[in-house]
Protein backbone atom coordinates (compact mmCIF):
# COMPACT_ATOMS: atom_id res chain seq x y z
CA MET A 1 -20.04 -20.56 18.21
CA ASN A 2 -17.88 -23.11 16.73
CA LEU A 3 -17.45 -21.90 13.17
CA ARG A 4 -15.83 -18.52 12.50
CA PRO A 5 -17.86 -16.54 10.24
CA VAL A 6 -16.99 -14.25 7.25
CA VAL A 7 -18.22 -10.82 7.52
CA LEU A 8 -19.19 -9.29 4.34
CA LYS A 9 -19.74 -5.29 4.32
CA LEU A 10 -20.91 -3.97 1.06
CA GLY A 11 -20.91 -0.28 0.43
CA GLY A 12 -23.61 1.82 0.44
CA SER A 13 -21.94 3.48 -2.81
CA VAL A 14 -22.22 -0.16 -4.55
CA ILE A 15 -26.01 -1.16 -3.85
CA THR A 16 -27.11 2.29 -4.49
CA GLU A 17 -27.10 5.00 -6.76
CA LYS A 18 -25.46 7.61 -4.27
CA ALA A 19 -26.20 10.73 -6.57
CA LYS A 20 -29.90 9.80 -6.57
CA PRO A 21 -31.95 10.10 -3.35
CA LEU A 22 -33.53 6.38 -2.40
CA THR A 23 -32.61 5.03 -5.37
CA PRO A 24 -30.95 1.08 -5.25
CA ASN A 25 -28.57 -0.17 -7.68
CA LEU A 26 -30.64 -3.34 -8.77
CA LYS A 27 -28.33 -4.74 -11.28
CA ALA A 28 -25.42 -4.81 -8.81
CA VAL A 29 -27.63 -5.97 -5.98
CA LYS A 30 -28.87 -8.65 -8.07
CA ARG A 31 -25.45 -9.71 -9.20
CA LEU A 32 -23.93 -9.43 -5.64
CA ALA A 33 -26.50 -11.59 -4.27
CA GLU A 34 -25.65 -14.53 -6.94
CA GLU A 35 -22.19 -14.11 -5.98
CA ILE A 36 -22.82 -14.48 -2.47
CA SER A 37 -24.77 -17.51 -3.62
CA ASP A 38 -22.18 -19.24 -5.80
CA ALA A 39 -19.52 -18.51 -3.25
CA LYS A 40 -21.33 -20.82 -0.61
CA VAL A 41 -19.48 -19.55 2.33
CA THR A 42 -20.83 -20.44 5.64
CA PRO A 43 -21.26 -18.97 8.27
CA LEU A 44 -21.73 -15.72 6.60
CA ILE A 45 -22.85 -12.26 7.95
CA VAL A 46 -23.89 -9.76 5.82
CA VAL A 47 -23.86 -5.81 6.43
CA HIS A 48 -24.46 -2.86 4.21
CA GLY A 49 -24.10 0.61 4.17
CA GLY A 50 -26.87 3.35 3.35
CA GLY A 51 -25.59 5.02 0.31
CA SER A 52 -28.48 7.36 -1.17
CA PHE A 53 -31.31 6.16 1.44
CA GLY A 54 -30.11 6.78 4.77
CA HIS A 55 -27.46 9.38 4.21
CA PRO A 56 -29.36 12.37 2.46
CA VAL A 57 -32.14 12.08 5.20
CA ALA A 58 -29.62 11.79 8.22
CA SER A 59 -27.97 14.70 6.75
CA MET A 60 -30.62 16.70 6.30
CA TYR A 61 -31.70 16.17 10.10
CA LYS A 62 -28.14 16.09 11.54
CA ILE A 63 -28.84 13.04 13.19
CA ALA A 64 -24.98 12.32 13.37
CA LYS A 65 -24.79 15.58 15.50
CA GLY A 66 -27.05 13.89 18.20
CA PHE A 67 -30.38 14.80 19.62
CA THR A 68 -30.71 18.67 19.73
CA ASN A 69 -34.31 19.40 19.38
CA LYS A 70 -37.96 17.55 18.62
CA GLY A 71 -37.91 18.46 14.81
CA GLN A 72 -35.16 15.59 14.57
CA LEU A 73 -37.35 12.98 16.21
CA VAL A 74 -39.07 12.53 12.79
CA GLY A 75 -35.86 12.37 10.82
CA PHE A 76 -34.26 9.93 13.00
CA SER A 77 -37.44 7.54 12.36
CA LYS A 78 -37.25 8.41 8.78
CA THR A 79 -33.48 7.54 8.68
CA HIS A 80 -34.24 4.09 10.34
CA GLU A 81 -37.40 3.56 7.97
CA ALA A 82 -35.16 4.32 4.78
CA MET A 83 -32.52 1.87 5.83
CA VAL A 84 -35.31 -1.01 6.69
CA SER A 85 -36.44 -0.40 3.10
CA LEU A 86 -32.86 -0.76 1.63
CA ASN A 87 -32.46 -3.97 3.69
CA LYS A 88 -35.50 -5.44 2.28
CA ILE A 89 -34.27 -5.12 -1.03
CA VAL A 90 -31.22 -6.80 -0.30
CA VAL A 91 -32.68 -9.63 1.53
CA GLN A 92 -34.93 -10.15 -0.77
CA SER A 93 -32.33 -10.72 -3.51
CA LEU A 94 -30.59 -13.19 -0.95
CA LEU A 95 -33.79 -14.93 -0.69
CA ASP A 96 -34.53 -15.16 -4.48
CA LYS A 97 -30.90 -16.90 -4.81
CA GLY A 98 -32.44 -19.65 -2.16
CA LEU A 99 -30.37 -18.20 0.67
CA PRO A 100 -31.68 -17.90 4.29
CA ALA A 101 -31.41 -14.29 4.73
CA PHE A 102 -32.31 -12.75 7.70
CA GLY A 103 -33.05 -8.81 8.07
CA MET A 104 -31.67 -7.61 11.61
CA PRO A 105 -32.33 -3.88 12.31
CA PRO A 106 -28.87 -2.72 14.42
CA SER A 107 -31.20 -0.17 16.35
CA SER A 108 -33.05 -2.97 17.93
CA PHE A 109 -30.05 -4.34 19.80
CA VAL A 110 -27.29 -1.88 19.81
CA ILE A 111 -27.10 1.39 21.68
CA THR A 112 -23.97 3.62 21.18
CA LYS A 113 -22.35 5.76 23.29
CA LYS A 114 -20.57 9.18 21.46
CA GLY A 115 -21.22 7.23 18.23
CA ARG A 116 -19.36 4.43 19.12
CA ILE A 117 -20.96 1.14 20.18
CA HIS A 118 -21.74 0.76 24.00
CA PHE A 119 -24.16 -1.96 24.33
CA PHE A 120 -24.50 -4.77 22.10
CA GLN A 121 -27.11 -7.77 22.65
CA GLU A 122 -25.35 -10.52 20.86
CA GLU A 123 -27.23 -13.60 21.60
CA THR A 124 -29.86 -13.01 19.24
CA LEU A 125 -27.00 -12.79 16.30
CA LYS A 126 -25.63 -15.42 17.62
CA GLN A 127 -28.27 -17.62 17.51
CA ALA A 128 -29.48 -16.51 14.04
CA VAL A 129 -26.10 -17.42 12.56
CA GLU A 130 -25.78 -21.00 14.59
CA THR A 131 -29.02 -21.80 13.24
CA GLY A 132 -27.92 -21.51 9.94
CA LEU A 133 -29.26 -18.22 8.85
CA ILE A 134 -27.59 -15.24 7.02
CA PRO A 135 -27.82 -12.13 9.19
CA VAL A 136 -28.31 -9.14 6.79
CA LEU A 137 -27.51 -6.05 9.30
CA TYR A 138 -26.91 -2.52 8.21
CA GLY A 139 -26.04 1.14 8.63
CA ASP A 140 -28.64 2.50 11.23
CA ALA A 141 -30.00 5.48 13.35
CA VAL A 142 -29.62 4.02 16.86
CA LEU A 143 -30.06 5.42 20.19
CA ASP A 144 -27.09 7.04 22.06
CA VAL A 145 -27.03 7.30 25.98
CA ASP A 146 -24.98 10.42 25.69
CA THR A 147 -25.88 12.12 22.59
CA GLY A 148 -29.70 10.78 22.58
CA PHE A 149 -29.01 9.24 18.90
CA ALA A 150 -26.64 8.50 16.59
CA ILE A 151 -25.85 7.28 13.00
CA LEU A 152 -23.82 3.71 13.72
CA SER A 153 -22.11 3.25 10.38
CA GLY A 154 -21.98 -0.25 8.60
CA ASP A 155 -18.48 -0.25 8.83
CA GLN A 156 -18.14 0.01 12.74
CA ILE A 157 -20.30 -2.66 12.83
CA SER A 158 -18.31 -5.04 10.39
CA ALA A 159 -15.29 -4.10 12.20
CA PHE A 160 -16.94 -5.02 15.31
CA LEU A 161 -18.37 -7.89 14.65
CA ALA A 162 -15.19 -9.44 13.13
CA VAL A 163 -14.10 -8.93 16.75
CA ARG A 164 -16.61 -10.15 18.68
CA MET A 165 -17.60 -13.15 16.41
CA LYS A 166 -13.86 -14.12 15.92
CA ALA A 167 -14.62 -13.76 12.08
CA GLU A 168 -12.28 -15.83 9.90
CA ARG A 169 -11.94 -12.66 7.65
CA LEU A 170 -13.48 -9.36 6.91
CA VAL A 171 -14.16 -8.49 3.31
CA MET A 172 -15.52 -4.93 2.51
CA GLY A 173 -16.96 -4.27 -0.96
CA VAL A 174 -16.19 -0.48 -2.28
CA ASP A 175 -16.61 1.12 -5.37
CA VAL A 176 -12.80 1.36 -5.99
CA ASP A 177 -10.16 -1.15 -6.15
CA GLY A 178 -8.92 -0.93 -2.72
CA VAL A 179 -6.83 1.65 -0.46
CA TYR A 180 -4.94 4.45 -2.84
CA THR A 181 -2.20 6.49 -1.98
CA ALA A 182 -4.69 9.33 -3.17
CA ASP A 183 -8.20 9.73 -4.08
CA PRO A 184 -8.21 7.62 -7.82
CA LYS A 185 -11.40 9.39 -8.44
CA THR A 186 -9.85 12.73 -8.45
CA ASP A 187 -5.97 12.03 -8.87
CA PRO A 188 -4.72 10.23 -11.52
CA SER A 189 -1.39 9.52 -10.24
CA ALA A 190 -3.34 7.40 -7.19
CA ARG A 191 -1.56 4.26 -6.91
CA LEU A 192 -3.27 1.01 -5.21
CA LYS A 193 -1.75 -0.28 -2.43
CA ARG A 194 -2.35 -4.11 -2.75
CA HIS A 195 -0.86 -4.76 0.61
CA LEU A 196 -0.86 -3.27 4.27
CA THR A 197 0.51 -4.00 7.61
CA LEU A 198 -0.82 -3.12 10.72
CA ALA A 199 1.35 -0.15 11.13
CA GLU A 200 1.04 1.06 7.54
CA LEU A 201 -3.02 1.10 8.13
CA ARG A 202 -2.10 3.37 11.15
CA LYS A 203 0.26 5.47 9.32
CA MET A 204 -1.78 5.88 6.23
CA LYS A 205 -5.47 6.30 7.69
CA GLY A 206 -4.89 10.18 7.98
CA GLN A 207 -3.71 10.25 4.23
CA VAL A 208 -6.84 9.00 2.35
CA GLY A 209 -9.11 11.12 0.28
CA GLY A 210 -12.83 10.66 1.63
CA ALA A 211 -16.15 10.70 -0.26
CA THR A 212 -17.27 13.01 -2.97
CA VAL A 213 -21.00 12.73 -1.98
CA THR A 214 -22.94 13.19 0.91
CA ASP A 215 -21.60 10.38 3.14
CA VAL A 216 -22.32 10.99 7.09
CA THR A 217 -19.93 8.25 8.19
CA GLY A 218 -16.78 8.99 7.10
CA GLY A 219 -16.04 7.19 3.55
CA MET A 220 -12.75 5.30 3.22
CA LEU A 221 -11.10 7.24 5.84
CA GLY A 222 -13.71 5.78 8.21
CA LYS A 223 -13.01 2.41 6.88
CA MET A 224 -9.46 2.43 7.35
CA SER A 225 -10.08 3.82 11.06
CA GLU A 226 -12.51 1.10 11.65
CA LEU A 227 -10.19 -1.83 10.39
CA ILE A 228 -7.48 -0.99 12.81
CA THR A 229 -9.26 -2.92 15.75
CA PRO A 230 -10.09 -6.11 13.98
CA VAL A 231 -6.66 -6.32 12.14
CA ALA A 232 -4.98 -6.06 15.52
CA GLN A 233 -6.71 -8.64 16.67
CA GLY A 234 -5.63 -10.87 13.92
CA VAL A 235 -8.45 -10.63 11.64
CA ASN A 236 -7.36 -10.49 8.04
CA ALA A 237 -9.21 -7.81 6.16
CA LEU A 238 -9.69 -7.17 2.27
CA ILE A 239 -10.94 -4.26 0.58
CA VAL A 240 -12.07 -5.12 -3.17
CA ASN A 241 -14.20 -3.12 -5.71
CA ALA A 242 -18.05 -5.05 -5.27
CA LEU A 243 -18.85 -3.32 -8.69
CA LYS A 244 -16.43 -5.20 -10.94
CA PRO A 245 -18.44 -8.73 -11.48
CA GLY A 246 -16.79 -12.02 -9.78
CA ASN A 247 -14.44 -9.92 -6.95
CA ILE A 248 -16.93 -10.34 -4.30
CA CYS A 249 -17.20 -14.45 -5.03
CA LYS A 250 -13.53 -14.38 -5.13
CA ALA A 251 -12.92 -12.86 -2.08
CA LEU A 252 -15.56 -14.76 0.12
CA ARG A 253 -13.75 -18.06 -0.98
CA GLY A 254 -10.36 -16.49 -0.14
CA GLU A 255 -9.25 -16.67 -3.75
CA GLU A 256 -6.81 -13.99 -5.40
CA VAL A 257 -8.18 -11.03 -6.20
CA ILE A 258 -7.24 -7.23 -6.92
CA GLY A 259 -7.80 -5.33 -3.86
CA THR A 260 -5.83 -4.29 -0.76
CA ARG A 261 -5.12 -7.07 1.63
CA ILE A 262 -4.55 -5.60 5.28
CA GLU A 263 -3.11 -8.20 7.74
CA ARG A 264 -1.44 -7.73 11.26
């Protein structure tokens, strides 16, 4: 592929009402679709999280722990179907803005090993990008060669694609302004880190507060852990608050925006 894509990850806490099962944040989804349209960035790959769609079901059936009993099989399918439903909402919002969004279920071309991407059939995704489509992937319930099945987070997918597709940059839209010295939702003394080097990222990743609601994929700690590899490979990453209007549009364009920039 000649052009280096921008990879955009939209957190589940942004596009859903995380405390209300199976409830999308339609206002945010529609606004984000408009910002993505206004940014006019191409090629672009979008990945979104599960929020209140994937996490509660996966947690109920303990999908992240792997296949231990046949009763989980229905839960595995329900988790995937919940994510398909959310993906349709995101894709439709982009289509409504005239963007060639194309939903792609990771479980159809990814197999993990102990929860980490092991097999990735990238030809279909590359062809979609080269054709001019905007692939829209998501955190998914996938088959696993060791544990039977696993939860593949949108964060892991985003970081993996940023490396494999030689992304120009990786933008992660979350529900806070970036990486803080502590959890800003519970600690008023938390300070925003505007810039992080790879060394600082490695040092800080074990010191960040996690999610306060059901999240089977690791919250901010999981995001920081996933970013280490792409940043080490030279991909610049930016974590911004996608709930604040205009941030994602600016981030996609490469303009100055409040957030945490992470560079090698």
